Amino acid sequence: MTVESTAARTPRRSAGNKAGTTGTKRTTSTTKKAAGAGKSAEPALVQLLTPEGKRVKNAEFDKYVADITAEDLRGLYRDMVLTRRFDAEATALQRQGELGLWASLLGQEAAQIGSGRALRDDDYVFPTYREHGVAWCRGVDPTNLLGMFRGVNNGGWDPNSNNFHLYTIVIGSQTLHATGYAMGITKDGADSAVIAYFGDGASSQGDVAEAFTFSAVYNAPVVFFCQNNQWAISEPTEKQSRVPLYQRAQGFGFPGVRVDGNDVLANLAVTKWALERARAGEGPTLVEAFTYRMGAHTTSDDPTRYRGDEERLAWEAKDPILRLRRHLEAANHADEGFFAELETESEALGKRVREAVRAMPDPDHFAIFENVYADGHALVDEERAQFAAYQDSFADEDGGK
């Protein structure tokens, strides 16, 4: 199989996602382990692919990826590689002054691609500001994401065209938006589902607790997908919660499950299960993808100030892309020609993104003062004048601006 044939599929492919499957209740041993996980140091963790690339059998979740093909696996690998390449290019562009800020997803590719490919086209996504891999799965052009971080647009895509909402910077608020949308779905009689992405830090926000309450009471078809990357900027997870995050769902009356966030197959299977139970009228689910943010929180952050190299190196050994590559090679699902062609495609993507960003206009420095008030405001006018004077102070030696 060549990269060209993989690329021919639309970005909104749903790997191994067949119609006609109904939701099931978690009544197996995995559920029982999860319920009592708070009593042990190591909570139950759904894993289908080890860091060495070996397939792990799981009676409860294997059925959700039982029909996945070698082509699907290559597609998942391609998704993760291209997403990482785009992310690396964006980080470099910010360092070069082309972007104002960037929130890297490095290390979280499996959580995003696995969950993103579990979605149906008619499902609706409410992201935060780091879901670049999910955006890729929903067919959002990467350059649209970068326009937002360059300051030349307010998102750059129509949410209804991709069923992918605009990025949300306010921490945790998108979970309430998702819950309200899901409640509306039930009123409309549709069988689609909603997924809301948020991080471990956002799980401490009141908005998230309120979303859990409303979704449970109204049995809303929503999946809360928490990417626990271990750090809320510089605050570790153990200073945010006395129990594993997924166990919080019990207090609201719906199931929670922890999945190996660096295992793309497990993320695909668990998310499909959660989405299908939502569509079957069984209400919300909390999925905690236990993963790791390999880079900085954003490009304005310095992670070396609050975490050591040992921790990062330990998680590098669990790299989601290397894990799937080992599996592909061991199972003879991909040869060197596939990896070489994908490398070529990856570099072409980086070049396209780089050229597109450099061709974008500079952001309007005064746009921030527009549309604050409908009829204008004296304080805003004063601030605009002060900023204009500041800009004028950068006149060159010839008196130019």
Protein backbone atom coordinates (compact mmCIF):
# COMPACT_ATOMS: atom_id res chain seq x y z
CA MET A 1 0.00 0.00 0.00
CA THR A 2 1.29 3.48 -0.82
CA VAL A 3 0.89 6.75 0.97
CA GLU A 4 -0.99 8.06 -2.04
CA SER A 5 -3.72 5.48 -1.64
CA THR A 6 -3.99 6.28 2.06
CA ALA A 7 -4.15 10.00 1.37
CA ALA A 8 -6.94 9.47 -1.12
CA ARG A 9 -9.32 8.79 1.72
CA THR A 10 -11.08 11.80 3.14
CA PRO A 11 -9.64 13.19 6.38
CA ARG A 12 -12.93 12.47 8.12
CA ARG A 13 -12.46 8.69 7.82
CA SER A 14 -13.73 6.68 10.80
CA ALA A 15 -11.34 3.77 11.26
CA GLY A 16 -13.15 0.48 11.64
CA ASN A 17 -16.38 2.29 12.45
CA LYS A 18 -19.24 0.17 11.17
CA ALA A 19 -22.90 1.11 11.41
CA GLY A 20 -25.42 -0.89 13.34
CA THR A 21 -23.54 -1.40 16.62
CA THR A 22 -25.51 -0.61 19.72
CA GLY A 23 -24.23 0.57 23.08
CA THR A 24 -23.48 -1.92 25.84
CA LYS A 25 -23.30 -1.54 29.58
CA ARG A 26 -20.01 -2.03 31.36
CA THR A 27 -20.71 -5.07 33.49
CA THR A 28 -17.47 -7.02 32.96
CA SER A 29 -14.45 -7.39 35.21
CA THR A 30 -12.97 -4.20 33.79
CA THR A 31 -15.91 -2.24 35.21
CA LYS A 32 -15.52 -3.86 38.61
CA LYS A 33 -11.82 -3.04 38.65
CA ALA A 34 -12.52 0.54 37.68
CA ALA A 35 -15.07 0.93 40.45
CA GLY A 36 -12.55 -0.07 43.09
CA ALA A 37 -9.49 1.48 41.54
CA GLY A 38 -9.24 4.22 44.15
CA LYS A 39 -8.14 1.60 46.70
CA SER A 40 -4.88 0.89 44.86
CA ALA A 41 -1.97 2.96 43.65
CA GLU A 42 -2.50 1.92 40.03
CA PRO A 43 -6.09 2.32 38.76
CA ALA A 44 -7.43 0.11 36.02
CA LEU A 45 -6.13 1.17 32.61
CA VAL A 46 -7.55 0.04 29.28
CA GLN A 47 -4.67 -0.86 26.98
CA LEU A 48 -4.76 -2.74 23.67
CA LEU A 49 -1.23 -2.01 22.47
CA THR A 50 1.82 -2.05 24.75
CA PRO A 51 4.70 0.43 24.41
CA GLU A 52 6.60 -2.40 22.69
CA GLY A 53 3.87 -2.63 20.06
CA LYS A 54 2.40 -5.91 21.25
CA ARG A 55 -1.34 -6.45 20.99
CA VAL A 56 -3.13 -6.92 24.31
CA LYS A 57 -6.45 -8.76 24.44
CA ASN A 58 -9.34 -7.13 26.26
CA ALA A 59 -12.65 -8.97 26.24
CA GLU A 60 -14.67 -5.81 26.82
CA PHE A 61 -13.16 -3.45 24.27
CA ASP A 62 -11.64 -5.67 21.56
CA LYS A 63 -14.99 -5.85 19.81
CA TYR A 64 -14.84 -2.12 19.06
CA VAL A 65 -11.71 -2.59 16.94
CA ALA A 66 -12.29 -6.17 15.83
CA ASP A 67 -12.92 -5.10 12.24
CA ILE A 68 -9.94 -2.75 11.94
CA THR A 69 -7.80 -3.57 8.91
CA ALA A 70 -4.11 -3.19 8.13
CA GLU A 71 -5.08 -0.24 5.95
CA ASP A 72 -6.88 1.35 8.91
CA LEU A 73 -3.79 0.89 11.06
CA ARG A 74 -1.59 2.52 8.44
CA GLY A 75 -4.12 5.33 8.27
CA LEU A 76 -3.97 5.89 12.02
CA TYR A 77 -0.19 5.93 11.85
CA ARG A 78 -0.26 8.41 8.99
CA ASP A 79 -2.66 10.65 10.93
CA MET A 80 -0.36 10.74 13.94
CA VAL A 81 2.80 11.35 11.91
CA LEU A 82 1.31 14.19 9.88
CA THR A 83 -0.27 15.76 12.95
CA ARG A 84 3.07 15.71 14.75
CA ARG A 85 4.82 17.21 11.71
CA PHE A 86 2.30 20.01 11.48
CA ASP A 87 2.59 20.64 15.21
CA ALA A 88 6.40 20.83 15.00
CA GLU A 89 6.18 23.28 12.12
CA ALA A 90 3.77 25.47 14.07
CA THR A 91 6.13 25.54 17.05
CA ALA A 92 9.02 26.54 14.79
CA LEU A 93 6.93 29.26 13.17
CA GLN A 94 6.09 30.73 16.55
CA ARG A 95 9.79 30.76 17.49
CA GLN A 96 10.45 32.63 14.24
CA GLY A 97 7.91 35.30 15.14
CA GLU A 98 5.26 34.20 12.63
CA LEU A 99 2.71 33.19 15.30
CA GLY A 100 1.83 34.92 18.53
CA LEU A 101 1.48 31.68 20.49
CA TRP A 102 1.18 27.94 19.99
CA ALA A 103 -0.13 25.11 22.20
CA SER A 104 1.67 21.93 21.16
CA LEU A 105 0.04 18.49 21.26
CA LEU A 106 3.37 16.63 21.20
CA GLY A 107 2.87 13.27 22.92
CA GLN A 108 -0.92 13.38 22.79
CA GLU A 109 -1.36 12.23 19.18
CA ALA A 110 -2.85 8.83 20.04
CA ALA A 111 -5.50 10.26 22.36
CA GLN A 112 -6.62 12.74 19.72
CA ILE A 113 -6.40 10.61 16.59
CA GLY A 114 -7.89 7.54 18.26
CA SER A 115 -10.86 9.44 19.67
CA GLY A 116 -11.22 11.59 16.55
CA ARG A 117 -11.46 8.58 14.26
CA ALA A 118 -14.12 7.02 16.50
CA LEU A 119 -16.52 9.83 15.60
CA ARG A 120 -19.20 9.68 12.97
CA ASP A 121 -19.63 12.58 10.56
CA ASP A 122 -22.85 13.65 12.27
CA ASP A 123 -21.28 13.75 15.74
CA TYR A 124 -20.32 17.17 17.06
CA VAL A 125 -16.98 18.16 18.64
CA PHE A 126 -16.31 20.86 21.23
CA PRO A 127 -12.52 21.28 21.53
CA THR A 128 -10.25 23.38 23.73
CA TYR A 129 -7.22 24.94 22.02
CA ARG A 130 -4.90 21.92 21.68
CA GLU A 131 -7.04 19.51 19.67
CA HIS A 132 -5.08 19.84 16.43
CA GLY A 133 -5.25 16.10 15.84
CA VAL A 134 -9.03 16.03 16.24
CA ALA A 135 -9.26 19.01 13.89
CA TRP A 136 -7.25 16.99 11.36
CA CYS A 137 -9.69 14.09 11.71
CA ARG A 138 -12.62 16.46 11.11
CA GLY A 139 -11.10 17.84 7.92
CA VAL A 140 -10.14 21.30 9.20
CA ASP A 141 -7.21 22.63 7.17
CA PRO A 142 -4.17 23.12 9.44
CA THR A 143 -3.55 26.59 8.02
CA ASN A 144 -6.92 27.70 9.41
CA LEU A 145 -5.74 26.80 12.89
CA LEU A 146 -2.57 28.83 12.41
CA GLY A 147 -4.47 31.88 11.20
CA MET A 148 -6.08 32.08 14.62
CA PHE A 149 -2.72 31.90 16.42
CA ARG A 150 -1.33 34.52 14.04
CA GLY A 151 -4.22 36.82 14.91
CA VAL A 152 -5.63 37.22 11.40
CA ASN A 153 -8.92 35.39 12.02
CA ASN A 154 -11.14 34.28 14.87
CA GLY A 155 -10.97 30.60 14.06
CA GLY A 156 -11.01 30.44 10.29
CA TRP A 157 -13.52 27.66 9.78
CA ASP A 158 -17.27 27.22 9.80
CA PRO A 159 -18.08 24.91 12.74
CA ASN A 160 -21.15 23.53 11.00
CA SER A 161 -19.17 22.49 7.94
CA ASN A 162 -17.06 20.04 9.94
CA ASN A 163 -19.15 19.60 13.09
CA PHE A 164 -16.07 20.93 14.85
CA HIS A 165 -16.61 23.96 17.03
CA LEU A 166 -14.17 26.85 17.20
CA TYR A 167 -11.30 26.55 19.66
CA THR A 168 -12.22 27.57 23.21
CA ILE A 169 -9.65 29.46 25.26
CA VAL A 170 -11.80 29.89 28.38
CA ILE A 171 -10.89 26.83 30.43
CA GLY A 172 -13.72 24.33 30.80
CA SER A 173 -16.57 26.37 29.32
CA GLN A 174 -16.84 24.15 26.24
CA THR A 175 -18.11 21.28 28.42
CA LEU A 176 -21.24 23.30 29.17
CA HIS A 177 -21.62 24.19 25.49
CA ALA A 178 -21.33 20.49 24.62
CA THR A 179 -23.88 19.50 27.25
CA GLY A 180 -26.40 22.04 26.01
CA TYR A 181 -25.89 20.93 22.43
CA ALA A 182 -26.32 17.29 23.45
CA MET A 183 -29.53 18.11 25.32
CA GLY A 184 -30.77 19.73 22.11
CA ILE A 185 -29.99 16.59 20.14
CA THR A 186 -32.34 14.58 22.33
CA LYS A 187 -35.07 17.17 21.77
CA ASP A 188 -34.56 16.87 18.02
CA GLY A 189 -34.76 13.08 18.13
CA ALA A 190 -31.39 12.62 16.40
CA ASP A 191 -29.11 9.65 17.13
CA SER A 192 -25.80 11.51 16.93
CA ALA A 193 -23.52 12.17 19.89
CA VAL A 194 -21.34 14.98 21.21
CA ILE A 195 -17.78 14.89 22.51
CA ALA A 196 -16.15 17.58 24.66
CA TYR A 197 -12.37 17.73 25.07
CA PHE A 198 -10.68 19.22 28.10
CA GLY A 199 -7.55 18.77 30.18
CA ASP A 200 -6.79 17.67 33.71
CA GLY A 201 -6.51 21.29 34.81
CA ALA A 202 -9.94 22.10 33.41
CA SER A 203 -11.42 19.25 35.44
CA SER A 204 -10.99 21.49 38.51
CA GLN A 205 -13.22 24.18 37.02
CA GLY A 206 -16.78 24.67 38.18
CA ASP A 207 -18.03 24.71 34.59
CA VAL A 208 -16.99 21.08 34.22
CA ALA A 209 -18.79 20.03 37.41
CA GLU A 210 -21.93 21.84 36.23
CA ALA A 211 -21.70 20.12 32.85
CA PHE A 212 -21.45 16.76 34.60
CA THR A 213 -24.54 17.56 36.66
CA PHE A 214 -26.73 18.70 33.77
CA SER A 215 -25.62 15.90 31.45
CA ALA A 216 -26.38 13.26 34.07
CA VAL A 217 -29.77 14.68 35.08
CA TYR A 218 -30.88 15.06 31.45
CA ASN A 219 -29.17 11.87 30.27
CA ALA A 220 -27.45 13.85 27.52
CA PRO A 221 -25.61 11.95 24.75
CA VAL A 222 -22.21 13.48 25.48
CA VAL A 223 -18.74 12.03 25.99
CA PHE A 224 -16.40 14.01 28.22
CA PHE A 225 -12.90 13.28 26.95
CA CYS A 226 -10.27 14.40 29.45
CA GLN A 227 -6.69 14.37 28.20
CA ASN A 228 -4.80 14.03 31.45
CA ASN A 229 -1.33 15.10 30.31
CA GLN A 230 -0.18 15.22 33.96
CA TRP A 231 0.35 18.98 34.16
CA ALA A 232 -2.06 21.93 34.35
CA ILE A 233 0.67 24.31 33.20
CA SER A 234 2.99 23.86 36.22
CA GLU A 235 0.52 22.15 38.58
CA PRO A 236 0.73 18.32 38.72
CA THR A 237 -2.42 16.22 38.72
CA GLU A 238 -1.88 14.97 42.27
CA LYS A 239 -2.40 18.54 43.49
CA GLN A 240 -5.72 18.77 41.65
CA SER A 241 -7.53 15.64 42.78
CA ARG A 242 -7.43 13.13 45.63
CA VAL A 243 -8.78 10.39 43.34
CA PRO A 244 -8.07 9.42 39.71
CA LEU A 245 -9.96 11.81 37.48
CA TYR A 246 -12.16 9.20 35.82
CA GLN A 247 -13.58 8.20 39.21
CA ARG A 248 -15.18 11.63 39.57
CA ALA A 249 -17.92 10.47 37.20
CA GLN A 250 -19.25 8.09 39.87
CA GLY A 251 -20.34 10.99 42.04
CA PHE A 252 -22.47 12.34 39.20
CA GLY A 253 -24.09 9.04 38.34
CA PHE A 254 -22.43 8.00 35.10
CA PRO A 255 -19.49 5.75 34.20
CA GLY A 256 -15.87 6.76 33.90
CA VAL A 257 -12.98 4.83 32.40
CA ARG A 258 -9.25 5.42 32.22
CA VAL A 259 -7.51 4.56 28.95
CA ASP A 260 -3.84 4.46 28.03
CA GLY A 261 -3.67 7.81 26.26
CA ASN A 262 -0.63 6.78 24.22
CA ASP A 263 -2.38 3.74 22.75
CA VAL A 264 -4.28 4.79 19.62
CA LEU A 265 -6.22 1.52 19.41
CA ALA A 266 -7.42 1.73 23.00
CA ASN A 267 -8.50 5.34 22.52
CA LEU A 268 -10.38 4.38 19.37
CA ALA A 269 -12.13 1.46 21.08
CA VAL A 270 -13.04 3.21 24.32
CA THR A 271 -14.32 6.33 22.55
CA LYS A 272 -16.45 4.23 20.18
CA TRP A 273 -17.91 2.43 23.18
CA ALA A 274 -18.70 5.71 24.94
CA LEU A 275 -20.22 7.27 21.81
CA GLU A 276 -22.36 4.22 21.11
CA ARG A 277 -23.76 4.10 24.63
CA ALA A 278 -24.59 7.82 24.28
CA ARG A 279 -26.43 7.17 21.02
CA ALA A 280 -28.27 4.26 22.63
CA GLY A 281 -29.75 6.63 25.22
CA GLU A 282 -27.50 5.54 28.08
CA GLY A 283 -26.24 9.04 28.83
CA PRO A 284 -22.82 10.60 29.39
CA THR A 285 -19.42 8.99 29.93
CA LEU A 286 -16.15 10.37 31.24
CA VAL A 287 -13.05 9.08 29.43
CA GLU A 288 -9.71 9.91 31.01
CA ALA A 289 -6.89 9.51 28.49
CA PHE A 290 -3.80 9.03 30.65
CA THR A 291 -1.08 10.63 28.55
CA TYR A 292 1.74 13.17 28.77
CA ARG A 293 2.49 16.62 27.39
CA MET A 294 6.02 16.20 26.04
CA GLY A 295 6.58 19.88 25.37
CA ALA A 296 5.63 23.13 27.02
CA HIS A 297 2.07 24.06 27.95
CA THR A 298 2.35 26.76 25.29
CA THR A 299 5.33 28.41 23.67
CA SER A 300 5.29 31.00 26.48
CA ASP A 301 5.97 28.28 29.06
CA ASP A 302 9.26 26.78 30.28
CA PRO A 303 8.56 23.24 31.55
CA THR A 304 12.14 22.79 32.81
CA ARG A 305 11.24 25.04 35.73
CA TYR A 306 8.77 22.58 37.23
CA ARG A 307 9.55 19.05 35.98
CA GLY A 308 12.66 16.95 35.52
CA ASP A 309 14.21 15.20 32.54
CA GLU A 310 13.68 11.78 34.14
CA GLU A 311 9.92 12.12 33.91
CA ARG A 312 10.02 13.19 30.28
CA LEU A 313 12.41 10.39 29.33
CA ALA A 314 10.16 7.80 30.98
CA TRP A 315 7.23 8.98 28.88
CA GLU A 316 9.32 9.11 25.70
CA ALA A 317 9.59 5.34 25.99
CA LYS A 318 5.79 5.22 25.67
CA ASP A 319 5.74 7.32 22.49
CA PRO A 320 2.42 6.69 20.69
CA ILE A 321 3.85 6.86 17.17
CA LEU A 322 6.79 4.58 17.85
CA ARG A 323 4.40 2.15 19.55
CA LEU A 324 2.19 1.78 16.49
CA ARG A 325 5.18 1.61 14.14
CA ARG A 326 6.57 -1.34 16.11
CA HIS A 327 3.21 -3.07 15.79
CA LEU A 328 2.99 -2.40 12.04
CA GLU A 329 6.48 -3.76 11.48
CA ALA A 330 6.02 -6.82 13.68
CA ALA A 331 2.75 -7.70 11.95
CA ASN A 332 4.18 -7.01 8.46
CA HIS A 333 1.47 -4.41 7.88
CA ALA A 334 3.90 -1.80 6.52
CA ASP A 335 7.25 -1.85 4.75
CA GLU A 336 10.07 0.65 4.41
CA GLY A 337 8.50 2.00 1.24
CA PHE A 338 5.42 3.07 3.20
CA PHE A 339 7.46 4.85 5.86
CA ALA A 340 9.66 6.55 3.24
CA GLU A 341 6.67 7.82 1.28
CA LEU A 342 5.04 9.06 4.46
CA GLU A 343 8.22 10.96 5.33
CA THR A 344 8.05 12.66 1.94
CA GLU A 345 4.39 13.53 2.49
CA SER A 346 5.21 14.82 5.95
CA GLU A 347 7.88 17.20 4.66
CA ALA A 348 5.52 18.41 1.94
CA LEU A 349 2.91 19.21 4.58
CA GLY A 350 5.46 21.14 6.61
CA LYS A 351 6.46 23.14 3.54
CA ARG A 352 2.85 23.89 2.64
CA VAL A 353 2.05 25.10 6.14
CA ARG A 354 5.21 27.20 6.34
CA GLU A 355 4.54 28.93 3.03
CA ALA A 356 0.87 29.50 3.84
CA VAL A 357 1.61 31.17 7.15
CA ARG A 358 4.31 33.40 5.71
CA ALA A 359 1.89 34.49 3.01
CA MET A 360 -0.71 35.54 5.58
CA PRO A 361 -1.05 39.26 6.29
CA ASP A 362 0.20 40.74 9.52
CA PRO A 363 -2.59 41.05 12.07
CA ASP A 364 -4.30 44.40 12.45
CA HIS A 365 -2.83 45.82 15.63
CA PHE A 366 -5.90 47.93 16.30
CA ALA A 367 -8.51 45.18 15.76
CA ILE A 368 -8.49 44.44 19.48
CA PHE A 369 -10.25 47.75 20.12
CA GLU A 370 -13.08 47.05 17.68
CA ASN A 371 -16.45 45.55 18.66
CA VAL A 372 -15.79 45.82 22.40
CA TYR A 373 -18.83 48.04 22.79
CA ALA A 374 -21.59 48.53 20.21
CA ASP A 375 -21.56 52.31 20.49
CA GLY A 376 -17.97 52.99 21.47
CA HIS A 377 -16.56 53.81 24.89
CA ALA A 378 -14.43 56.65 26.22
CA LEU A 379 -12.00 54.33 28.01
CA VAL A 380 -11.51 52.18 24.89
CA ASP A 381 -10.91 55.35 22.86
CA GLU A 382 -8.30 56.45 25.38
CA GLU A 383 -6.56 53.07 25.29
CA ARG A 384 -6.59 53.10 21.47
CA ALA A 385 -4.93 56.52 21.46
CA GLN A 386 -2.29 55.37 23.96
CA PHE A 387 -1.54 52.30 21.85
CA ALA A 388 -1.28 54.43 18.70
CA ALA A 389 1.25 56.66 20.44
CA TYR A 390 3.20 53.59 21.47
CA GLN A 391 3.23 52.31 17.89
CA ASP A 392 4.41 55.72 16.64
CA SER A 393 7.36 55.56 19.02
CA PHE A 394 8.88 52.87 16.80
CA ALA A 395 9.44 55.29 13.91
CA ASP A 396 12.72 54.61 12.12
CA GLU A 397 15.59 57.06 11.68
CA ASP A 398 14.05 58.41 8.50
CA GLY A 399 10.79 59.18 10.26
CA GLY A 400 8.90 56.28 8.69
CA LYS A 401 6.52 54.01 10.53
